[in-house]
Structure formats: C-alpha cells, structure tokens
C-alpha cells in the first residue's frame, strides 16, 4: 500500500473528520490506495497527523460507502473491485440515469440547456487530456443533468450511487487497455442525449442514456476481466 502520498491534515476541529474522510476516499477512488490494501490505523494517523479516533470514524464511513471492508481478526482493507458488483451498479445507474434524462427533457428551459451544452463541451475537450479531467468533466455534466430533473429525491439517489460507483468509473477511464472506440461512442451518445433534451424528446433522451450506461458497464467489466487474468498469471 502506498500511503506516502497522503497529506498531513490541517487541524481545524470542526472540519477534521471530513478532511480525513475526503482524503482517504479520494485516495481509494484514484488508486493511490489499491484494492486489497490493508489500512493500518497507526500508519494512517502518523501520515496524516490526526488521532486514531478520527481515522477510525472515517474508516467506518468508508465501510458504509462500500469502499472499505473490515475482515475479522485482520482489520480494514480497501475493498476489491468485483465484476458482479460493477454489473449490478451499472444496471441500476442505467435505469436511474435514463429517468434523469427523461425528466430533464421534460423540464428543460433555455438557461439550463445552455449549462448542459457547456458541460458537454467540457467533456468533449477533456478526452484529449487526462483521464482525471475527463472524470471531473463527466461528473460535472451528470450533476448538471441531475439538476435539470428538478427532483431532489432523484438527485440524492444518483449522487449516492455516483459515490459508490466512482472507483469503477476511474478504472473505465484510466485503464491502459481502455477502448478508444468507447470514448468516441460515449461522446456520440452524450451529443444525442443533449439534442433529445433540446427537442424535449424524453423517450430518446431516456433510451440513449440507458444505452450509454450499459455500454460503460460492459467496458468496465471487460477491463476487470483483464485485471483478473493478469493477477492469475502474475
């Protein structure tokens, strides 16, 4: 486990636990802390300059978010990426994202359409840069889409799901074996979705968004299969 990249936390009491939680979450999502890595409380407290109590609280929250698992008599570990879980999460996201696209098309106005079009341009530009920029740009795009639904309940569900699925999204965008065709496919799908939203074609917006998430899930499971085969041969 590479904990050397974790930063010392500035001790602002009201924000301390949140700072530790956010840094550990980001380290897991970005791959600084790898799947299967043991999370040793003593090392984390020394590296981040905080108490064991604060680290323990953060690890409990990460366990609730399914980023960490506690193995009896061994302690906390970064959860392994599971193909079955990835397939499950992407199928769920496809349904909820499809609904979000439908509701956005039904409720769209000129001001919010401009926000979505700008967000799409950022996504397109990001594909020629780093995977981290693409991840941030697509997250911004989806957040704009969620806001367009005008449904606080659906937004809350999707934001929770996005946090849960973040590691798979990072894998899908950053893996060296990612298909370039998948990148082109995603841009085409998002363009069609925005065009459908603009025309208030809720049926097409929903169906293409559903397709986009199913295709994204297939790419992630393909990459996970490659990872598992590599692990078996090493």
Protein backbone atom coordinates (compact mmCIF):
# COMPACT_ATOMS: atom_id res chain seq x y z
CA UNK A 1 0.00 0.00 0.00
CA UNK A 2 1.36 3.42 -0.94
CA UNK A 3 0.43 5.80 1.87
CA UNK A 4 3.30 8.20 1.19
CA UNK A 5 1.08 10.40 -0.99
CA UNK A 6 -1.37 11.14 1.82
CA UNK A 7 -1.09 14.71 3.11
CA UNK A 8 -0.89 15.95 6.67
CA UNK A 9 -4.26 17.34 7.72
CA UNK A 10 -4.62 20.93 8.90
CA UNK A 11 -6.24 20.62 12.32
CA UNK A 12 -9.45 22.61 12.12
CA UNK A 13 -11.59 20.76 14.71
CA UNK A 14 -14.97 21.23 13.01
CA UNK A 15 -13.62 20.03 9.66
CA UNK A 16 -11.02 17.46 10.76
CA UNK A 17 -13.08 14.30 10.35
CA UNK A 18 -14.44 15.49 7.00
CA UNK A 19 -10.94 16.33 5.75
CA UNK A 20 -9.64 12.88 6.69
CA UNK A 21 -12.69 11.20 5.16
CA UNK A 22 -12.41 13.11 1.88
CA UNK A 23 -8.68 12.48 1.50
CA UNK A 24 -8.98 8.74 2.18
CA UNK A 25 -11.99 8.49 -0.15
CA UNK A 26 -10.10 10.25 -2.94
CA UNK A 27 -7.02 8.08 -2.36
CA UNK A 28 -9.15 4.95 -2.79
CA UNK A 29 -11.07 6.21 -5.81
CA UNK A 30 -7.95 7.45 -7.61
CA UNK A 31 -5.99 4.26 -6.91
CA UNK A 32 -3.37 5.73 -4.55
CA UNK A 33 -4.69 3.13 -2.11
CA UNK A 34 -5.12 0.00 -4.21
CA UNK A 35 -7.86 -2.65 -3.96
CA UNK A 36 -6.91 -5.18 -1.29
CA UNK A 37 -4.54 -2.78 0.50
CA UNK A 38 -4.54 -3.10 4.28
CA UNK A 39 -5.38 0.15 6.06
CA UNK A 40 -3.23 0.25 9.20
CA UNK A 41 -4.61 2.82 11.64
CA UNK A 42 -1.23 3.59 13.21
CA UNK A 43 0.34 4.33 9.82
CA UNK A 44 -2.62 6.45 8.72
CA UNK A 45 -2.58 8.51 11.93
CA UNK A 46 1.16 9.14 11.64
CA UNK A 47 0.97 10.01 7.94
CA UNK A 48 -1.99 12.36 8.28
CA UNK A 49 -1.14 13.76 11.72
CA UNK A 50 -4.50 13.03 13.33
CA UNK A 51 -5.81 10.85 16.16
CA UNK A 52 -6.82 7.20 15.80
CA UNK A 53 -10.36 8.17 16.77
CA UNK A 54 -10.68 10.45 13.73
CA UNK A 55 -9.19 7.80 11.42
CA UNK A 56 -11.49 5.15 12.87
CA UNK A 57 -14.57 7.32 12.27
CA UNK A 58 -13.52 7.97 8.67
CA UNK A 59 -12.93 4.26 8.05
CA UNK A 60 -16.39 3.43 9.41
CA UNK A 61 -17.94 5.89 6.98
CA UNK A 62 -15.92 4.45 4.08
CA UNK A 63 -17.10 0.98 5.09
CA UNK A 64 -20.69 2.25 4.89
CA UNK A 65 -19.89 3.57 1.39
CA UNK A 66 -18.56 0.12 0.38
CA UNK A 67 -15.07 1.47 -0.25
CA UNK A 68 -13.57 -0.31 2.76
CA UNK A 69 -14.25 -3.74 4.22
CA UNK A 70 -13.32 -4.93 7.70
CA UNK A 71 -12.06 -8.52 7.80
CA UNK A 72 -12.41 -10.19 11.21
CA UNK A 73 -9.10 -10.54 13.08
CA UNK A 74 -7.29 -8.66 10.29
CA UNK A 75 -8.76 -5.16 10.18
CA UNK A 76 -9.83 -2.74 7.44
CA UNK A 77 -8.85 -3.17 3.79
CA UNK A 78 -9.66 -1.33 0.57
CA UNK A 79 -12.48 -3.33 -1.00
CA UNK A 80 -11.63 -5.37 -4.05
CA UNK A 81 -13.35 -4.44 -7.32
CA UNK A 82 -15.93 -7.10 -8.14
CA UNK A 83 -17.26 -7.81 -11.64
CA UNK A 84 -20.66 -8.81 -10.27
CA UNK A 85 -20.94 -5.62 -8.25
CA UNK A 86 -19.88 -3.50 -11.22
CA UNK A 87 -22.51 -5.11 -13.44
CA UNK A 88 -25.14 -4.59 -10.74
CA UNK A 89 -24.29 -0.93 -10.13
CA UNK A 90 -24.15 -0.01 -13.82
CA UNK A 91 -27.52 -1.64 -14.50
CA UNK A 92 -29.05 0.32 -11.62
CA UNK A 93 -27.39 3.52 -12.80
CA UNK A 94 -28.67 2.93 -16.35
CA UNK A 95 -32.26 2.90 -15.11
CA UNK A 96 -31.86 5.95 -12.85
CA UNK A 97 -29.82 7.87 -15.42
CA UNK A 98 -32.42 7.12 -18.06
CA UNK A 99 -35.12 8.51 -15.78
CA UNK A 100 -32.97 11.58 -15.09
CA UNK A 101 -32.53 12.23 -18.82
CA UNK A 102 -36.30 11.84 -19.35
CA UNK A 103 -37.17 14.26 -16.54
CA UNK A 104 -34.53 16.72 -17.71
CA UNK A 105 -36.05 16.70 -21.22
CA UNK A 106 -39.50 17.24 -19.76
CA UNK A 107 -38.39 20.19 -17.61
CA UNK A 108 -35.69 21.83 -19.72
CA UNK A 109 -35.51 25.60 -20.16
CA UNK A 110 -33.21 27.81 -22.24
CA UNK A 111 -30.96 28.72 -19.30
CA UNK A 112 -30.37 25.16 -18.18
CA UNK A 113 -29.94 23.90 -21.74
CA UNK A 114 -27.02 26.33 -22.11
CA UNK A 115 -25.48 24.91 -18.91
CA UNK A 116 -25.80 21.37 -20.27
CA UNK A 117 -24.33 22.32 -23.65
CA UNK A 118 -21.35 24.00 -21.95
CA UNK A 119 -20.88 20.92 -19.74
CA UNK A 120 -20.90 18.69 -22.83
CA UNK A 121 -18.20 20.83 -24.48
CA UNK A 122 -16.02 20.38 -21.41
CA UNK A 123 -16.47 16.61 -21.66
CA UNK A 124 -15.50 16.58 -25.33
CA UNK A 125 -12.41 18.72 -24.68
CA UNK A 126 -11.39 16.60 -21.69
CA UNK A 127 -11.00 13.43 -23.76
CA UNK A 128 -7.85 14.89 -25.33
CA UNK A 129 -6.38 15.46 -21.85
CA UNK A 130 -6.02 13.29 -18.74
CA UNK A 131 -8.47 10.66 -17.52
CA UNK A 132 -8.86 12.65 -14.28
CA UNK A 133 -10.02 15.69 -16.24
CA UNK A 134 -12.46 13.50 -18.15
CA UNK A 135 -13.81 12.05 -14.92
CA UNK A 136 -14.33 15.54 -13.46
CA UNK A 137 -15.90 16.84 -16.68
CA UNK A 138 -18.33 13.93 -16.93
CA UNK A 139 -19.22 14.23 -13.25
CA UNK A 140 -19.95 17.93 -13.83
CA UNK A 141 -22.08 17.01 -16.86
CA UNK A 142 -24.09 14.45 -14.92
CA UNK A 143 -24.58 16.81 -11.98
CA UNK A 144 -25.96 19.40 -14.40
CA UNK A 145 -28.30 16.75 -15.81
CA UNK A 146 -29.47 15.81 -12.31
CA UNK A 147 -30.21 19.44 -11.51
CA UNK A 148 -32.29 19.64 -14.66
CA UNK A 149 -34.63 16.91 -13.41
CA UNK A 150 -35.98 19.33 -10.77
CA UNK A 151 -36.26 16.28 -8.49
CA UNK A 152 -34.34 16.50 -5.22
CA UNK A 153 -35.18 12.86 -4.45
CA UNK A 154 -33.74 11.54 -7.72
CA UNK A 155 -30.67 13.79 -7.40
CA UNK A 156 -29.96 12.45 -3.91
CA UNK A 157 -30.25 8.84 -5.09
CA UNK A 158 -27.95 9.44 -8.07
CA UNK A 159 -25.34 11.34 -6.04
CA UNK A 160 -25.17 8.43 -3.59
CA UNK A 161 -24.84 5.96 -6.47
CA UNK A 162 -22.16 8.07 -8.16
CA UNK A 163 -20.07 7.98 -4.97
CA UNK A 164 -20.46 4.20 -4.84
CA UNK A 165 -19.55 3.69 -8.50
CA UNK A 166 -16.65 6.18 -8.60
CA UNK A 167 -13.87 3.56 -8.50
CA UNK A 168 -15.31 1.71 -11.48
CA UNK A 169 -15.65 4.96 -13.42
CA UNK A 170 -12.00 5.77 -12.68
CA UNK A 171 -10.96 2.30 -13.87
CA UNK A 172 -13.02 2.62 -17.04
CA UNK A 173 -11.46 5.95 -17.98
CA UNK A 174 -7.86 5.46 -16.81
CA UNK A 175 -7.11 1.84 -17.67
CA UNK A 176 -4.33 1.47 -20.30
CA UNK A 177 -6.47 -1.08 -22.17
CA UNK A 178 -9.49 1.23 -22.42
CA UNK A 179 -11.03 1.09 -25.89
CA UNK A 180 -10.67 4.31 -27.86
CA UNK A 181 -13.88 3.36 -29.62
CA UNK A 182 -15.61 3.53 -26.26
CA UNK A 183 -14.53 7.18 -25.87
CA UNK A 184 -15.93 8.07 -29.30
CA UNK A 185 -19.10 6.11 -28.55
CA UNK A 186 -19.65 8.00 -25.29
CA UNK A 187 -19.26 11.42 -26.93
CA UNK A 188 -21.75 10.47 -29.66
CA UNK A 189 -24.26 9.24 -27.07
CA UNK A 190 -24.00 12.39 -24.95
CA UNK A 191 -24.47 14.59 -28.02
CA UNK A 192 -27.62 12.66 -28.96
CA UNK A 193 -28.92 12.96 -25.40
CA UNK A 194 -28.46 16.74 -25.32
CA UNK A 195 -30.09 17.07 -28.74
CA UNK A 196 -33.04 15.00 -27.48
CA UNK A 197 -33.29 17.12 -24.33
CA UNK A 198 -33.26 20.26 -26.50
CA UNK A 199 -36.13 18.89 -28.59
CA UNK A 200 -37.92 17.70 -25.43
CA UNK A 201 -37.83 14.16 -26.81
CA UNK A 202 -37.98 12.41 -23.43
CA UNK A 203 -38.21 8.91 -24.95
CA UNK A 204 -34.98 9.25 -26.91
CA UNK A 205 -33.15 11.00 -24.07
CA UNK A 206 -34.04 8.15 -21.74
CA UNK A 207 -33.25 5.30 -24.16
CA UNK A 208 -29.86 6.67 -25.26
CA UNK A 209 -28.81 7.45 -21.68
CA UNK A 210 -29.76 3.91 -20.69
CA UNK A 211 -27.69 2.58 -23.60
CA UNK A 212 -24.72 4.77 -22.65
CA UNK A 213 -24.59 3.36 -19.11
CA UNK A 214 -24.98 -0.23 -20.28
CA UNK A 215 -22.09 0.28 -22.73
CA UNK A 216 -19.99 1.89 -19.98
CA UNK A 217 -20.70 -1.06 -17.72
CA UNK A 218 -19.64 -3.53 -20.41
CA UNK A 219 -16.35 -1.70 -20.86
CA UNK A 220 -15.66 -1.74 -17.11
CA UNK A 221 -16.41 -5.45 -16.80
CA UNK A 222 -14.16 -6.13 -19.81
CA UNK A 223 -11.32 -4.27 -18.11
CA UNK A 224 -11.95 -6.03 -14.81
CA UNK A 225 -11.71 -9.37 -16.61
CA UNK A 226 -8.32 -8.29 -17.98
CA UNK A 227 -7.22 -7.32 -14.47
CA UNK A 228 -8.26 -10.69 -13.06
CA UNK A 229 -6.47 -12.61 -15.82
CA UNK A 230 -3.31 -10.56 -15.22
CA UNK A 231 -3.45 -11.31 -11.50
CA UNK A 232 -3.74 -15.04 -12.17
CA UNK A 233 -0.72 -15.06 -14.48
CA UNK A 234 1.49 -12.99 -12.14
